[in-house]
mmCIF file of all heavy atoms, coordinates in Angstrom:
data_MODEL
# 
_entry.id   MODEL 
# 
loop_
_atom_site.group_PDB 
_atom_site.id 
_atom_site.type_symbol 
_atom_site.label_atom_id 
_atom_site.label_alt_id 
_atom_site.label_comp_id 
_atom_site.label_asym_id 
_atom_site.label_entity_id 
_atom_site.label_seq_id 
_atom_site.pdbx_PDB_ins_code 
_atom_site.Cartn_x 
_atom_site.Cartn_y 
_atom_site.Cartn_z 
_atom_site.occupancy 
_atom_site.B_iso_or_equiv 
_atom_site.pdbx_formal_charge 
_atom_site.auth_seq_id 
_atom_site.auth_comp_id 
_atom_site.auth_asym_id 
_atom_site.auth_atom_id 
_atom_site.pdbx_PDB_model_num 
ATOM 1   N N   . VAL A 1 1  ? 137.274 -79.656  -85.485  1.00 0.00 ? 1  VAL A N   1 
ATOM 2   C CA  . VAL A 1 1  ? 138.389 -80.066  -84.624  1.00 0.00 ? 1  VAL A CA  1 
ATOM 3   C C   . VAL A 1 1  ? 139.201 -81.122  -85.359  1.00 0.00 ? 1  VAL A C   1 
ATOM 4   O O   . VAL A 1 1  ? 138.661 -82.135  -85.806  1.00 0.00 ? 1  VAL A O   1 
ATOM 5   C CB  . VAL A 1 1  ? 137.886 -80.653  -83.287  1.00 0.00 ? 1  VAL A CB  1 
ATOM 6   C CG1 . VAL A 1 1  ? 139.061 -81.154  -82.462  1.00 0.00 ? 1  VAL A CG1 1 
ATOM 7   C CG2 . VAL A 1 1  ? 137.096 -79.617  -82.513  1.00 0.00 ? 1  VAL A CG2 1 
ATOM 8   N N   . ALA A 1 2  ? 140.509 -80.873  -85.485  1.00 0.00 ? 2  ALA A N   1 
ATOM 9   C CA  . ALA A 1 2  ? 141.433 -81.860  -86.055  1.00 0.00 ? 2  ALA A CA  1 
ATOM 10  C C   . ALA A 1 2  ? 142.372 -82.306  -84.934  1.00 0.00 ? 2  ALA A C   1 
ATOM 11  O O   . ALA A 1 2  ? 143.156 -81.513  -84.426  1.00 0.00 ? 2  ALA A O   1 
ATOM 12  C CB  . ALA A 1 2  ? 142.215 -81.261  -87.213  1.00 0.00 ? 2  ALA A CB  1 
ATOM 13  N N   . ASP A 1 3  ? 142.270 -83.559  -84.541  1.00 0.00 ? 3  ASP A N   1 
ATOM 14  C CA  . ASP A 1 3  ? 143.061 -84.124  -83.451  1.00 0.00 ? 3  ASP A CA  1 
ATOM 15  C C   . ASP A 1 3  ? 144.307 -84.777  -84.043  1.00 0.00 ? 3  ASP A C   1 
ATOM 16  O O   . ASP A 1 3  ? 144.246 -85.871  -84.602  1.00 0.00 ? 3  ASP A O   1 
ATOM 17  C CB  . ASP A 1 3  ? 142.207 -85.153  -82.701  1.00 0.00 ? 3  ASP A CB  1 
ATOM 18  C CG  . ASP A 1 3  ? 142.916 -85.784  -81.516  1.00 0.00 ? 3  ASP A CG  1 
ATOM 19  O OD1 . ASP A 1 3  ? 144.155 -85.671  -81.425  1.00 0.00 ? 3  ASP A OD1 1 
ATOM 20  O OD2 . ASP A 1 3  ? 142.231 -86.416  -80.691  1.00 0.00 ? 3  ASP A OD2 1 
ATOM 21  N N   . TYR A 1 4  ? 145.447 -84.113  -83.900  1.00 0.00 ? 4  TYR A N   1 
ATOM 22  C CA  . TYR A 1 4  ? 146.700 -84.607  -84.459  1.00 0.00 ? 4  TYR A CA  1 
ATOM 23  C C   . TYR A 1 4  ? 147.488 -85.427  -83.442  1.00 0.00 ? 4  TYR A C   1 
ATOM 24  O O   . TYR A 1 4  ? 148.710 -85.431  -83.458  1.00 0.00 ? 4  TYR A O   1 
ATOM 25  C CB  . TYR A 1 4  ? 147.548 -83.437  -84.961  1.00 0.00 ? 4  TYR A CB  1 
ATOM 26  C CG  . TYR A 1 4  ? 147.119 -82.906  -86.303  1.00 0.00 ? 4  TYR A CG  1 
ATOM 27  C CD1 . TYR A 1 4  ? 146.190 -81.879  -86.391  1.00 0.00 ? 4  TYR A CD1 1 
ATOM 28  C CD2 . TYR A 1 4  ? 147.615 -83.444  -87.482  1.00 0.00 ? 4  TYR A CD2 1 
ATOM 29  C CE1 . TYR A 1 4  ? 145.782 -81.382  -87.624  1.00 0.00 ? 4  TYR A CE1 1 
ATOM 30  C CE2 . TYR A 1 4  ? 147.211 -82.959  -88.724  1.00 0.00 ? 4  TYR A CE2 1 
ATOM 31  C CZ  . TYR A 1 4  ? 146.297 -81.936  -88.786  1.00 0.00 ? 4  TYR A CZ  1 
ATOM 32  O OH  . TYR A 1 4  ? 145.887 -81.454  -90.013  1.00 0.00 ? 4  TYR A OH  1 
ATOM 33  N N   . GLY A 1 5  ? 146.791 -86.127  -82.580  1.00 0.00 ? 5  GLY A N   1 
ATOM 34  C CA  . GLY A 1 5  ? 147.451 -86.999  -81.619  1.00 0.00 ? 5  GLY A CA  1 
ATOM 35  C C   . GLY A 1 5  ? 147.897 -88.293  -82.281  1.00 0.00 ? 5  GLY A C   1 
ATOM 36  O O   . GLY A 1 5  ? 148.559 -88.279  -83.323  1.00 0.00 ? 5  GLY A O   1 
ATOM 37  N N   . PRO A 1 6  ? 147.517 -89.434  -81.742  1.00 0.00 ? 6  PRO A N   1 
ATOM 38  C CA  . PRO A 1 6  ? 147.934 -90.714  -82.328  1.00 0.00 ? 6  PRO A CA  1 
ATOM 39  C C   . PRO A 1 6  ? 147.223 -90.960  -83.650  1.00 0.00 ? 6  PRO A C   1 
ATOM 40  O O   . PRO A 1 6  ? 146.238 -90.286  -83.980  1.00 0.00 ? 6  PRO A O   1 
ATOM 41  C CB  . PRO A 1 6  ? 147.495 -91.728  -81.270  1.00 0.00 ? 6  PRO A CB  1 
ATOM 42  C CG  . PRO A 1 6  ? 146.327 -91.079  -80.595  1.00 0.00 ? 6  PRO A CG  1 
ATOM 43  C CD  . PRO A 1 6  ? 146.669 -89.614  -80.546  1.00 0.00 ? 6  PRO A CD  1 
ATOM 44  N N   . PRO A 1 7  ? 147.696 -91.933  -84.436  1.00 0.00 ? 7  PRO A N   1 
ATOM 45  C CA  . PRO A 1 7  ? 146.956 -92.298  -85.655  1.00 0.00 ? 7  PRO A CA  1 
ATOM 46  C C   . PRO A 1 7  ? 145.516 -92.649  -85.306  1.00 0.00 ? 7  PRO A C   1 
ATOM 47  O O   . PRO A 1 7  ? 145.251 -93.383  -84.352  1.00 0.00 ? 7  PRO A O   1 
ATOM 48  C CB  . PRO A 1 7  ? 147.721 -93.515  -86.173  1.00 0.00 ? 7  PRO A CB  1 
ATOM 49  C CG  . PRO A 1 7  ? 149.096 -93.368  -85.615  1.00 0.00 ? 7  PRO A CG  1 
ATOM 50  C CD  . PRO A 1 7  ? 148.911 -92.742  -84.262  1.00 0.00 ? 7  PRO A CD  1 
ATOM 51  N N   . GLY A 1 8  ? 144.590 -92.108  -86.083  1.00 0.00 ? 8  GLY A N   1 
ATOM 52  C CA  . GLY A 1 8  ? 143.179 -92.317  -85.773  1.00 0.00 ? 8  GLY A CA  1 
ATOM 53  C C   . GLY A 1 8  ? 142.545 -93.471  -86.498  1.00 0.00 ? 8  GLY A C   1 
ATOM 54  O O   . GLY A 1 8  ? 141.489 -93.952  -86.088  1.00 0.00 ? 8  GLY A O   1 
ATOM 55  N N   . PHE A 1 9  ? 143.182 -93.948  -87.578  1.00 0.00 ? 9  PHE A N   1 
ATOM 56  C CA  . PHE A 1 9  ? 142.538 -94.986  -88.373  1.00 0.00 ? 9  PHE A CA  1 
ATOM 57  C C   . PHE A 1 9  ? 143.567 -95.852  -89.074  1.00 0.00 ? 9  PHE A C   1 
ATOM 58  O O   . PHE A 1 9  ? 144.726 -95.469  -89.273  1.00 0.00 ? 9  PHE A O   1 
ATOM 59  C CB  . PHE A 1 9  ? 141.595 -94.369  -89.416  1.00 0.00 ? 9  PHE A CB  1 
ATOM 60  C CG  . PHE A 1 9  ? 142.305 -93.510  -90.445  1.00 0.00 ? 9  PHE A CG  1 
ATOM 61  C CD1 . PHE A 1 9  ? 142.821 -94.053  -91.605  1.00 0.00 ? 9  PHE A CD1 1 
ATOM 62  C CD2 . PHE A 1 9  ? 142.443 -92.143  -90.239  1.00 0.00 ? 9  PHE A CD2 1 
ATOM 63  C CE1 . PHE A 1 9  ? 143.472 -93.270  -92.553  1.00 0.00 ? 9  PHE A CE1 1 
ATOM 64  C CE2 . PHE A 1 9  ? 143.095 -91.341  -91.182  1.00 0.00 ? 9  PHE A CE2 1 
ATOM 65  C CZ  . PHE A 1 9  ? 143.607 -91.901  -92.330  1.00 0.00 ? 9  PHE A CZ  1 
ATOM 66  N N   . PHE A 1 10 ? 143.116 -97.029  -89.438  1.00 0.00 ? 10 PHE A N   1 
ATOM 67  C CA  . PHE A 1 10 ? 143.865 -97.941  -90.305  1.00 0.00 ? 10 PHE A CA  1 
ATOM 68  C C   . PHE A 1 10 ? 142.900 -98.372  -91.400  1.00 0.00 ? 10 PHE A C   1 
ATOM 69  O O   . PHE A 1 10 ? 141.798 -98.865  -91.109  1.00 0.00 ? 10 PHE A O   1 
ATOM 70  C CB  . PHE A 1 10 ? 144.374 -99.149  -89.530  1.00 0.00 ? 10 PHE A CB  1 
ATOM 71  C CG  . PHE A 1 10 ? 145.019 -100.198 -90.398  1.00 0.00 ? 10 PHE A CG  1 
ATOM 72  C CD1 . PHE A 1 10 ? 146.210 -99.947  -91.048  1.00 0.00 ? 10 PHE A CD1 1 
ATOM 73  C CD2 . PHE A 1 10 ? 144.435 -101.447 -90.568  1.00 0.00 ? 10 PHE A CD2 1 
ATOM 74  C CE1 . PHE A 1 10 ? 146.822 -100.910 -91.855  1.00 0.00 ? 10 PHE A CE1 1 
ATOM 75  C CE2 . PHE A 1 10 ? 145.022 -102.420 -91.354  1.00 0.00 ? 10 PHE A CE2 1 
ATOM 76  C CZ  . PHE A 1 10 ? 146.221 -102.137 -92.004  1.00 0.00 ? 10 PHE A CZ  1 
ATOM 77  N N   . ALA A 1 11 ? 143.287 -98.150  -92.642  1.00 0.00 ? 11 ALA A N   1 
ATOM 78  C CA  . ALA A 1 11 ? 142.420 -98.456  -93.775  1.00 0.00 ? 11 ALA A CA  1 
ATOM 79  C C   . ALA A 1 11 ? 143.080 -99.455  -94.701  1.00 0.00 ? 11 ALA A C   1 
ATOM 80  O O   . ALA A 1 11 ? 144.302 -99.452  -94.863  1.00 0.00 ? 11 ALA A O   1 
ATOM 81  C CB  . ALA A 1 11 ? 142.096 -97.174  -94.544  1.00 0.00 ? 11 ALA A CB  1 
ATOM 82  N N   . VAL A 1 12 ? 142.265 -100.288 -95.299  1.00 0.00 ? 12 VAL A N   1 
ATOM 83  C CA  . VAL A 1 12 ? 142.734 -101.281 -96.267  1.00 0.00 ? 12 VAL A CA  1 
ATOM 84  C C   . VAL A 1 12 ? 142.181 -100.922 -97.634  1.00 0.00 ? 12 VAL A C   1 
ATOM 85  O O   . VAL A 1 12 ? 141.004 -100.564 -97.782  1.00 0.00 ? 12 VAL A O   1 
ATOM 86  C CB  . VAL A 1 12 ? 142.272 -102.699 -95.855  1.00 0.00 ? 12 VAL A CB  1 
ATOM 87  C CG1 . VAL A 1 12 ? 142.481 -103.677 -96.985  1.00 0.00 ? 12 VAL A CG1 1 
ATOM 88  C CG2 . VAL A 1 12 ? 143.004 -103.160 -94.609  1.00 0.00 ? 12 VAL A CG2 1 
ATOM 89  N N   . LYS A 1 13 ? 143.018 -100.998 -98.651  1.00 0.00 ? 13 LYS A N   1 
ATOM 90  C CA  . LYS A 1 13 ? 142.598 -100.748 -100.021 1.00 0.00 ? 13 LYS A CA  1 
ATOM 91  C C   . LYS A 1 13 ? 142.853 -102.003 -100.853 1.00 0.00 ? 13 LYS A C   1 
ATOM 92  O O   . LYS A 1 13 ? 143.957 -102.556 -100.821 1.00 0.00 ? 13 LYS A O   1 
ATOM 93  C CB  . LYS A 1 13 ? 143.366 -99.574  -100.637 1.00 0.00 ? 13 LYS A CB  1 
ATOM 94  C CG  . LYS A 1 13 ? 143.240 -98.273  -99.861  1.00 0.00 ? 13 LYS A CG  1 
ATOM 95  C CD  . LYS A 1 13 ? 141.834 -97.720  -99.905  1.00 0.00 ? 13 LYS A CD  1 
ATOM 96  C CE  . LYS A 1 13 ? 141.748 -96.376  -99.208  1.00 0.00 ? 13 LYS A CE  1 
ATOM 97  N NZ  . LYS A 1 13 ? 140.349 -95.861  -99.193  1.00 0.00 ? 13 LYS A NZ  1 
ATOM 98  N N   . MET A 1 14 ? 141.827 -102.425 -101.585 1.00 0.00 ? 14 MET A N   1 
ATOM 99  C CA  . MET A 1 14 ? 141.938 -103.611 -102.429 1.00 0.00 ? 14 MET A CA  1 
ATOM 100 C C   . MET A 1 14 ? 141.552 -103.271 -103.863 1.00 0.00 ? 14 MET A C   1 
ATOM 101 O O   . MET A 1 14 ? 141.012 -102.196 -104.135 1.00 0.00 ? 14 MET A O   1 
ATOM 102 C CB  . MET A 1 14 ? 141.049 -104.722 -101.874 1.00 0.00 ? 14 MET A CB  1 
ATOM 103 C CG  . MET A 1 14 ? 141.524 -105.263 -100.522 1.00 0.00 ? 14 MET A CG  1 
ATOM 104 S SD  . MET A 1 14 ? 140.386 -106.477 -99.775  1.00 0.00 ? 14 MET A SD  1 
ATOM 105 C CE  . MET A 1 14 ? 139.225 -105.396 -98.920  1.00 0.00 ? 14 MET A CE  1 
ATOM 106 N N   . THR A 1 15 ? 141.802 -104.186 -104.770 1.00 0.00 ? 15 THR A N   1 
ATOM 107 C CA  . THR A 1 15 ? 141.528 -103.948 -106.182 1.00 0.00 ? 15 THR A CA  1 
ATOM 108 C C   . THR A 1 15 ? 140.068 -103.619 -106.430 1.00 0.00 ? 15 THR A C   1 
ATOM 109 O O   . THR A 1 15 ? 139.743 -102.837 -107.321 1.00 0.00 ? 15 THR A O   1 
ATOM 110 C CB  . THR A 1 15 ? 141.953 -105.173 -107.012 1.00 0.00 ? 15 THR A CB  1 
ATOM 111 O OG1 . THR A 1 15 ? 143.374 -105.342 -106.886 1.00 0.00 ? 15 THR A OG1 1 
ATOM 112 C CG2 . THR A 1 15 ? 141.607 -105.001 -108.480 1.00 0.00 ? 15 THR A CG2 1 
ATOM 113 N N   . ASP A 1 16 ? 139.151 -104.200 -105.652 1.00 0.00 ? 16 ASP A N   1 
ATOM 114 C CA  . ASP A 1 16 ? 137.732 -103.970 -105.889 1.00 0.00 ? 16 ASP A CA  1 
ATOM 115 C C   . ASP A 1 16 ? 137.212 -102.670 -105.284 1.00 0.00 ? 16 ASP A C   1 
ATOM 116 O O   . ASP A 1 16 ? 136.008 -102.448 -105.217 1.00 0.00 ? 16 ASP A O   1 
ATOM 117 C CB  . ASP A 1 16 ? 136.900 -105.158 -105.379 1.00 0.00 ? 16 ASP A CB  1 
ATOM 118 C CG  . ASP A 1 16 ? 137.163 -105.494 -103.916 1.00 0.00 ? 16 ASP A CG  1 
ATOM 119 O OD1 . ASP A 1 16 ? 137.505 -104.590 -103.134 1.00 0.00 ? 16 ASP A OD1 1 
ATOM 120 O OD2 . ASP A 1 16 ? 137.037 -106.683 -103.558 1.00 0.00 ? 16 ASP A OD2 1 
ATOM 121 N N   . HIS A 1 17 ? 138.113 -101.785 -104.828 1.00 0.00 ? 17 HIS A N   1 
ATOM 122 C CA  . HIS A 1 17 ? 137.689 -100.481 -104.333 1.00 0.00 ? 17 HIS A CA  1 
ATOM 123 C C   . HIS A 1 17 ? 137.262 -99.582  -105.475 1.00 0.00 ? 17 HIS A C   1 
ATOM 124 O O   . HIS A 1 17 ? 137.817 -99.620  -106.573 1.00 0.00 ? 17 HIS A O   1 
ATOM 125 C CB  . HIS A 1 17 ? 138.838 -99.793  -103.569 1.00 0.00 ? 17 HIS A CB  1 
ATOM 126 C CG  . HIS A 1 17 ? 138.801 -100.066 -102.104 1.00 0.00 ? 17 HIS A CG  1 
ATOM 127 N ND1 . HIS A 1 17 ? 138.392 -99.138  -101.185 1.00 0.00 ? 17 HIS A ND1 1 
ATOM 128 C CD2 . HIS A 1 17 ? 139.117 -101.175 -101.394 1.00 0.00 ? 17 HIS A CD2 1 
ATOM 129 C CE1 . HIS A 1 17 ? 138.457 -99.650  -99.968  1.00 0.00 ? 17 HIS A CE1 1 
ATOM 130 N NE2 . HIS A 1 17 ? 138.896 -100.885 -100.071 1.00 0.00 ? 17 HIS A NE2 1 
ATOM 131 N N   . ASP A 1 18 ? 136.280 -98.735  -105.192 1.00 0.00 ? 18 ASP A N   1 
ATOM 132 C CA  . ASP A 1 18 ? 135.834 -97.743  -106.163 1.00 0.00 ? 18 ASP A CA  1 
ATOM 133 C C   . ASP A 1 18 ? 136.570 -96.419  -105.885 1.00 0.00 ? 18 ASP A C   1 
ATOM 134 O O   . ASP A 1 18 ? 135.974 -95.399  -105.585 1.00 0.00 ? 18 ASP A O   1 
ATOM 135 C CB  . ASP A 1 18 ? 134.326 -97.544  -106.051 1.00 0.00 ? 18 ASP A CB  1 
ATOM 136 C CG  . ASP A 1 18 ? 133.786 -96.594  -107.105 1.00 0.00 ? 18 ASP A CG  1 
ATOM 137 O OD1 . ASP A 1 18 ? 134.084 -96.806  -108.285 1.00 0.00 ? 18 ASP A OD1 1 
ATOM 138 O OD2 . ASP A 1 18 ? 133.086 -95.636  -106.729 1.00 0.00 ? 18 ASP A OD2 1 
ATOM 139 N N   . SER A 1 19 ? 137.887 -96.478  -105.946 1.00 0.00 ? 19 SER A N   1 
ATOM 140 C CA  . SER A 1 19 ? 138.702 -95.287  -105.697 1.00 0.00 ? 19 SER A CA  1 
ATOM 141 C C   . SER A 1 19 ? 140.007 -95.427  -106.465 1.00 0.00 ? 19 SER A C   1 
ATOM 142 O O   . SER A 1 19 ? 140.391 -96.528  -106.865 1.00 0.00 ? 19 SER A O   1 
ATOM 143 C CB  . SER A 1 19 ? 138.983 -95.115  -104.198 1.00 0.00 ? 19 SER A CB  1 
ATOM 144 O OG  . SER A 1 19 ? 139.647 -96.239  -103.673 1.00 0.00 ? 19 SER A OG  1 
ATOM 145 N N   . ALA A 1 20 ? 140.664 -94.296  -106.639 1.00 0.00 ? 20 ALA A N   1 
ATOM 146 C CA  . ALA A 1 20 ? 141.927 -94.308  -107.385 1.00 0.00 ? 20 ALA A CA  1 
ATOM 147 C C   . ALA A 1 20 ? 142.950 -95.184  -106.676 1.00 0.00 ? 20 ALA A C   1 
ATOM 148 O O   . ALA A 1 20 ? 143.091 -95.140  -105.449 1.00 0.00 ? 20 ALA A O   1 
ATOM 149 C CB  . ALA A 1 20 ? 142.450 -92.888  -107.529 1.00 0.00 ? 20 ALA A CB  1 
ATOM 150 N N   . GLN A 1 21 ? 143.661 -95.989  -107.445 1.00 0.00 ? 21 GLN A N   1 
ATOM 151 C CA  . GLN A 1 21 ? 144.664 -96.876  -106.872 1.00 0.00 ? 21 GLN A CA  1 
ATOM 152 C C   . GLN A 1 21 ? 145.870 -96.067  -106.403 1.00 0.00 ? 21 GLN A C   1 
ATOM 153 O O   . GLN A 1 21 ? 146.358 -95.180  -107.100 1.00 0.00 ? 21 GLN A O   1 
ATOM 154 C CB  . GLN A 1 21 ? 145.090 -97.919  -107.908 1.00 0.00 ? 21 GLN A CB  1 
ATOM 155 C CG  . GLN A 1 21 ? 146.062 -98.947  -107.371 1.00 0.00 ? 21 GLN A CG  1 
ATOM 156 C CD  . GLN A 1 21 ? 146.178 -100.147 -108.294 1.00 0.00 ? 21 GLN A CD  1 
ATOM 157 O OE1 . GLN A 1 21 ? 145.165 -100.691 -108.743 1.00 0.00 ? 21 GLN A OE1 1 
ATOM 158 N NE2 . GLN A 1 21 ? 147.398 -100.574 -108.590 1.00 0.00 ? 21 GLN A NE2 1 
ATOM 159 N N   . ILE A 1 22 ? 146.343 -96.366  -105.201 1.00 0.00 ? 22 ILE A N   1 
ATOM 160 C CA  . ILE A 1 22 ? 147.532 -95.714  -104.664 1.00 0.00 ? 22 ILE A CA  1 
ATOM 161 C C   . ILE A 1 22 ? 148.746 -96.275  -105.388 1.00 0.00 ? 22 ILE A C   1 
ATOM 162 O O   . ILE A 1 22 ? 148.895 -97.489  -105.526 1.00 0.00 ? 22 ILE A O   1 
ATOM 163 C CB  . ILE A 1 22 ? 147.647 -95.953  -103.140 1.00 0.00 ? 22 ILE A CB  1 
ATOM 164 C CG1 . ILE A 1 22 ? 146.400 -95.413  -102.438 1.00 0.00 ? 22 ILE A CG1 1 
ATOM 165 C CG2 . ILE A 1 22 ? 148.909 -95.300  -102.584 1.00 0.00 ? 22 ILE A CG2 1 
ATOM 166 C CD1 . ILE A 1 22 ? 146.300 -95.839  -100.977 1.00 0.00 ? 22 ILE A CD1 1 
ATOM 167 N N   . THR A 1 23 ? 149.611 -95.408  -105.843 1.00 0.00 ? 23 THR A N   1 
ATOM 168 C CA  . THR A 1 23 ? 150.756 -95.857  -106.629 1.00 0.00 ? 23 THR A CA  1 
ATOM 169 C C   . THR A 1 23 ? 151.838 -96.448  -105.741 1.00 0.00 ? 23 THR A C   1 
ATOM 170 O O   . THR A 1 23 ? 151.899 -96.194  -104.544 1.00 0.00 ? 23 THR A O   1 
ATOM 171 C CB  . THR A 1 23 ? 151.347 -94.695  -107.439 1.00 0.00 ? 23 THR A CB  1 
ATOM 172 O OG1 . THR A 1 23 ? 151.730 -93.644  -106.540 1.00 0.00 ? 23 THR A OG1 1 
ATOM 173 C CG2 . THR A 1 23 ? 150.319 -94.153  -108.413 1.00 0.00 ? 23 THR A CG2 1 
ATOM 174 N N   . ALA A 1 24 ? 152.715 -97.228  -106.350 1.00 0.00 ? 24 ALA A N   1 
ATOM 175 C CA  . ALA A 1 24 ? 153.735 -97.954  -105.605 1.00 0.00 ? 24 ALA A CA  1 
ATOM 176 C C   . ALA A 1 24 ? 154.704 -97.032  -104.878 1.00 0.00 ? 24 ALA A C   1 
ATOM 177 O O   . ALA A 1 24 ? 155.279 -97.407  -103.852 1.00 0.00 ? 24 ALA A O   1 
ATOM 178 C CB  . ALA A 1 24 ? 154.521 -98.874  -106.548 1.00 0.00 ? 24 ALA A CB  1 
ATOM 179 N N   . ASP A 1 25 ? 154.894 -95.805  -105.368 1.00 0.00 ? 25 ASP A N   1 
ATOM 180 C CA  . ASP A 1 25 ? 155.821 -94.877  -104.713 1.00 0.00 ? 25 ASP A CA  1 
ATOM 181 C C   . ASP A 1 25 ? 155.137 -94.035  -103.639 1.00 0.00 ? 25 ASP A C   1 
ATOM 182 O O   . ASP A 1 25 ? 155.715 -93.102  -103.110 1.00 0.00 ? 25 ASP A O   1 
ATOM 183 C CB  . ASP A 1 25 ? 156.497 -93.957  -105.733 1.00 0.00 ? 25 ASP A CB  1 
ATOM 184 C CG  . ASP A 1 25 ? 155.489 -93.077  -106.474 1.00 0.00 ? 25 ASP A CG  1 
ATOM 185 O OD1 . ASP A 1 25 ? 154.274 -93.229  -106.229 1.00 0.00 ? 25 ASP A OD1 1 
ATOM 186 O OD2 . ASP A 1 25 ? 155.920 -92.242  -107.284 1.00 0.00 ? 25 ASP A OD2 1 
ATOM 187 N N   . GLY A 1 26 ? 153.917 -94.393  -103.304 1.00 0.00 ? 26 GLY A N   1 
ATOM 188 C CA  . GLY A 1 26 ? 153.189 -93.655  -102.279 1.00 0.00 ? 26 GLY A CA  1 
ATOM 189 C C   . GLY A 1 26 ? 152.177 -92.728  -102.895 1.00 0.00 ? 26 GLY A C   1 
ATOM 190 O O   . GLY A 1 26 ? 151.008 -92.786  -102.587 1.00 0.00 ? 26 GLY A O   1 
ATOM 191 N N   . GLY A 1 27 ? 152.613 -91.855  -103.761 1.00 0.00 ? 27 GLY A N   1 
ATOM 192 C CA  . GLY A 1 27 ? 151.696 -90.989  -104.484 1.00 0.00 ? 27 GLY A CA  1 
ATOM 193 C C   . GLY A 1 27 ? 150.958 -90.014  -103.591 1.00 0.00 ? 27 GLY A C   1 
ATOM 194 O O   . GLY A 1 27 ? 150.475 -90.365  -102.530 1.00 0.00 ? 27 GLY A O   1 
ATOM 195 N N   . GLY A 1 28 ? 150.899 -88.764  -103.944 1.00 0.00 ? 28 GLY A N   1 
ATOM 196 C CA  . GLY A 1 28 ? 150.124 -87.789  -103.190 1.00 0.00 ? 28 GLY A CA  1 
ATOM 197 C C   . GLY A 1 28 ? 150.554 -87.702  -101.741 1.00 0.00 ? 28 GLY A C   1 
ATOM 198 O O   . GLY A 1 28 ? 151.729 -87.527  -101.424 1.00 0.00 ? 28 GLY A O   1 
# 
């Protein structure tokens, strides 16, 4: 089930994340 109602989450990304950095133009 994919619920496309309101936004479901708010996430924070910081330099110490173990994930690809989101680019300044938004990216992907």
